[in-house]
Amino acid sequence: MNALRSGLVRTWNDPLLRFLVLGIGSYLLWQLFYEQVLHPWGRLDRTVINGLVWAATVMLEGLGYEMLPEPRVDLERYIGVQGGSHLWIGDPCNGVSLFAVFAIFIIAFPGPWRHKAWFIPGGILLIHLMNAIRVVVLCIVVTKSYDLLNFNHDYTFYVVVYGGVFLLWYLWVTRFSGLKKARSA
């Protein structure tokens, strides 16, 4: 029993193994909770999509675009500008899963909780803003060509948004985690 306990303590004190166990375990728990509770409930996805539509509408109108009238069904999920067509925002495109992966990384990675307490909500807000900008650009792109919409949705914006998330992770590791200070000490 003592050998098992000392092995677990050594494993937990290894930063890489601790990060992997916490990260993978938290992700699996998140997936289970999301698929069994949050997604069927629907309110979280709806709220995030409503926020995306609102933010994108504000930006598009600020750029001088005239919005398409709302369709009669599922109002909160559609957005479009004159000269284009409506875009439908599905649950997989709302960013909720990306919020979770971002937060899990920050929680699992070493660093002071006083920084995690503001970095996680701030990062989620930035990811949401990047996603709203993505919706804005897709609304504009669809006025030019529907084929361009599909390419940009499927490839370009994955690189841009995930690149932004990796940049946030990089900032956490290099600036806020305290890892550099610990190594230089």
Protein backbone atom coordinates (compact mmCIF):
# COMPACT_ATOMS: atom_id res chain seq x y z
CA MET A 1 0.00 0.00 0.00
CA ASN A 2 2.83 2.41 0.86
CA ALA A 3 4.58 1.59 -2.41
CA LEU A 4 1.42 2.42 -4.34
CA ARG A 5 0.93 5.64 -2.39
CA SER A 6 4.55 6.73 -2.91
CA GLY A 7 4.28 5.90 -6.63
CA LEU A 8 1.13 8.04 -6.90
CA VAL A 9 2.81 10.91 -5.05
CA ARG A 10 5.84 10.72 -7.35
CA THR A 11 3.56 10.64 -10.39
CA TRP A 12 1.52 13.60 -9.11
CA ASN A 13 4.72 15.58 -8.46
CA ASP A 14 5.92 15.03 -12.04
CA PRO A 15 4.64 18.18 -13.83
CA LEU A 16 4.21 16.49 -17.22
CA LEU A 17 2.29 13.50 -15.87
CA ARG A 18 0.20 15.76 -13.61
CA PHE A 19 -0.64 17.96 -16.62
CA LEU A 20 -1.58 14.94 -18.76
CA VAL A 21 -3.69 13.27 -16.07
CA LEU A 22 -5.49 16.50 -15.14
CA GLY A 23 -5.92 17.56 -18.77
CA ILE A 24 -7.16 14.25 -20.16
CA GLY A 25 -9.29 13.49 -17.11
CA SER A 26 -10.88 16.95 -17.12
CA TYR A 27 -11.53 16.76 -20.85
CA LEU A 28 -13.23 13.38 -20.54
CA LEU A 29 -15.38 14.66 -17.65
CA TRP A 30 -16.26 17.78 -19.67
CA GLN A 31 -17.25 15.71 -22.71
CA LEU A 32 -19.43 13.44 -20.62
CA PHE A 33 -21.10 16.37 -18.82
CA TYR A 34 -21.58 18.33 -22.05
CA GLU A 35 -23.02 15.41 -24.03
CA GLN A 36 -25.25 14.11 -21.24
CA VAL A 37 -26.39 17.34 -19.56
CA LEU A 38 -25.49 20.65 -21.19
CA HIS A 39 -26.11 19.87 -24.85
CA PRO A 40 -29.50 18.19 -24.32
CA TRP A 41 -30.51 21.10 -22.04
CA GLY A 42 -29.58 23.45 -24.89
CA ARG A 43 -29.51 26.72 -22.96
CA LEU A 44 -25.70 27.10 -22.94
CA ASP A 45 -25.42 26.59 -26.70
CA ARG A 46 -28.36 28.94 -27.34
CA THR A 47 -26.90 31.66 -25.12
CA VAL A 48 -23.51 31.49 -26.80
CA ILE A 49 -25.08 31.51 -30.29
CA ASN A 50 -27.29 34.47 -29.35
CA GLY A 51 -24.15 36.28 -28.19
CA LEU A 52 -22.40 35.49 -31.48
CA VAL A 53 -25.34 36.74 -33.55
CA TRP A 54 -25.64 39.91 -31.45
CA ALA A 55 -21.89 40.72 -31.59
CA ALA A 56 -21.66 39.98 -35.32
CA THR A 57 -24.75 42.10 -36.02
CA VAL A 58 -23.28 45.04 -34.09
CA MET A 59 -20.01 44.73 -36.03
CA LEU A 60 -21.70 44.33 -39.42
CA GLU A 61 -24.01 47.30 -38.85
CA GLY A 62 -21.00 49.29 -37.63
CA LEU A 63 -19.31 48.49 -40.95
CA GLY A 64 -22.38 49.78 -42.81
CA TYR A 65 -23.98 46.49 -43.81
CA GLU A 66 -27.75 46.11 -43.88
CA MET A 67 -28.93 42.94 -42.20
CA LEU A 68 -31.25 40.46 -43.89
CA PRO A 69 -34.65 40.18 -42.23
CA GLU A 70 -34.84 37.33 -39.75
CA PRO A 71 -36.34 34.12 -41.13
CA ARG A 72 -39.54 32.85 -39.54
CA VAL A 73 -37.96 29.79 -37.89
CA ASP A 74 -35.17 29.46 -35.35
CA LEU A 75 -34.47 33.20 -35.32
CA GLU A 76 -31.47 33.12 -33.02
CA ARG A 77 -29.34 30.90 -35.24
CA TYR A 78 -29.52 32.91 -38.49
CA ILE A 79 -27.58 35.94 -39.60
CA GLY A 80 -26.91 37.49 -42.98
CA VAL A 81 -26.37 40.74 -44.84
CA GLN A 82 -28.08 42.18 -47.91
CA GLY A 83 -26.55 40.77 -51.08
CA GLY A 84 -25.81 37.43 -49.42
CA SER A 85 -27.82 34.71 -47.80
CA HIS A 86 -28.52 33.68 -44.25
CA LEU A 87 -25.89 31.72 -42.38
CA TRP A 88 -27.04 29.17 -39.84
CA ILE A 89 -24.85 28.85 -36.72
CA GLY A 90 -24.85 25.30 -35.42
CA ASP A 91 -23.84 24.12 -31.97
CA PRO A 92 -20.46 22.76 -33.15
CA CYS A 93 -19.59 26.24 -34.50
CA ASN A 94 -20.46 28.25 -31.39
CA GLY A 95 -17.09 27.82 -29.67
CA VAL A 96 -18.29 26.15 -26.45
CA SER A 97 -16.01 23.14 -26.90
CA LEU A 98 -13.09 25.44 -27.63
CA PHE A 99 -13.84 27.42 -24.46
CA ALA A 100 -13.65 24.16 -22.50
CA VAL A 101 -10.40 22.96 -24.09
CA PHE A 102 -8.82 26.37 -23.50
CA ALA A 103 -9.91 26.47 -19.84
CA ILE A 104 -8.86 22.86 -19.20
CA PHE A 105 -5.38 23.57 -20.54
CA ILE A 106 -4.98 26.60 -18.27
CA ILE A 107 -6.35 24.74 -15.24
CA ALA A 108 -4.12 21.69 -15.82
CA PHE A 109 -0.97 23.69 -16.57
CA PRO A 110 0.97 24.96 -13.56
CA GLY A 111 0.50 28.55 -12.56
CA PRO A 112 -0.91 30.78 -9.86
CA TRP A 113 -4.67 30.68 -9.38
CA ARG A 114 -4.79 34.47 -9.07
CA HIS A 115 -3.77 34.65 -12.74
CA LYS A 116 -5.97 31.73 -13.81
CA ALA A 117 -8.98 33.50 -12.28
CA TRP A 118 -8.77 36.33 -14.81
CA PHE A 119 -6.93 34.63 -17.70
CA ILE A 120 -9.59 31.95 -18.25
CA PRO A 121 -12.60 34.32 -18.51
CA GLY A 122 -10.52 36.82 -20.50
CA GLY A 123 -9.37 34.10 -22.90
CA ILE A 124 -12.91 32.79 -23.34
CA LEU A 125 -14.08 36.31 -24.10
CA LEU A 126 -11.32 36.72 -26.71
CA ILE A 127 -12.17 33.35 -28.29
CA HIS A 128 -15.83 34.40 -28.44
CA LEU A 129 -14.81 37.71 -30.06
CA MET A 130 -12.64 35.88 -32.62
CA ASN A 131 -15.59 33.62 -33.40
CA ALA A 132 -17.89 36.67 -33.81
CA ILE A 133 -15.35 38.21 -36.21
CA ARG A 134 -15.33 34.88 -38.05
CA VAL A 135 -19.13 35.10 -38.43
CA VAL A 136 -18.82 38.71 -39.67
CA VAL A 137 -16.29 37.77 -42.32
CA LEU A 138 -18.32 34.73 -43.40
CA CYS A 139 -21.40 36.96 -43.79
CA ILE A 140 -19.38 39.25 -46.04
CA VAL A 141 -17.75 36.38 -47.95
CA VAL A 142 -21.13 34.83 -48.77
CA THR A 143 -22.06 38.04 -50.62
CA LYS A 144 -19.18 37.30 -53.00
CA SER A 145 -19.36 33.52 -53.45
CA TYR A 146 -20.98 30.65 -51.64
CA ASP A 147 -18.03 28.43 -52.65
CA LEU A 148 -15.68 30.81 -50.83
CA LEU A 149 -17.90 30.49 -47.78
CA ASN A 150 -17.46 26.73 -47.63
CA PHE A 151 -13.68 26.88 -48.06
CA ASN A 152 -13.21 29.63 -45.47
CA HIS A 153 -15.57 28.00 -42.97
CA ASP A 154 -13.92 24.61 -43.31
CA TYR A 155 -10.25 25.65 -43.46
CA THR A 156 -9.24 29.29 -43.11
CA PHE A 157 -11.06 30.06 -39.90
CA TYR A 158 -10.04 26.86 -38.17
CA VAL A 159 -6.43 27.94 -38.66
CA VAL A 160 -7.14 31.51 -37.51
CA VAL A 161 -9.26 30.71 -34.44
CA TYR A 162 -7.16 27.74 -33.30
CA GLY A 163 -4.04 29.82 -33.96
CA GLY A 164 -5.48 32.45 -31.62
CA VAL A 165 -6.07 29.81 -28.95
CA PHE A 166 -2.51 28.52 -29.31
CA LEU A 167 -1.27 32.11 -28.96
CA LEU A 168 -3.26 32.46 -25.71
CA TRP A 169 -1.77 29.19 -24.44
CA TYR A 170 1.70 30.41 -25.41
CA LEU A 171 1.11 33.65 -23.47
CA TRP A 172 -0.01 31.63 -20.46
CA VAL A 173 3.04 29.36 -20.53
CA THR A 174 5.59 32.13 -21.16
CA ARG A 175 4.14 35.07 -19.22
CA PHE A 176 1.72 34.00 -16.52
CA SER A 177 2.38 30.40 -15.48
CA GLY A 178 5.52 31.26 -13.52
CA LEU A 179 7.37 28.45 -15.29
CA LYS A 180 10.22 30.71 -16.45
CA LYS A 181 10.73 32.10 -12.94
CA ALA A 182 10.79 28.60 -11.45
CA ARG A 183 13.37 27.42 -13.98
CA SER A 184 15.65 30.42 -13.56
CA ALA A 185 15.57 30.18 -9.75
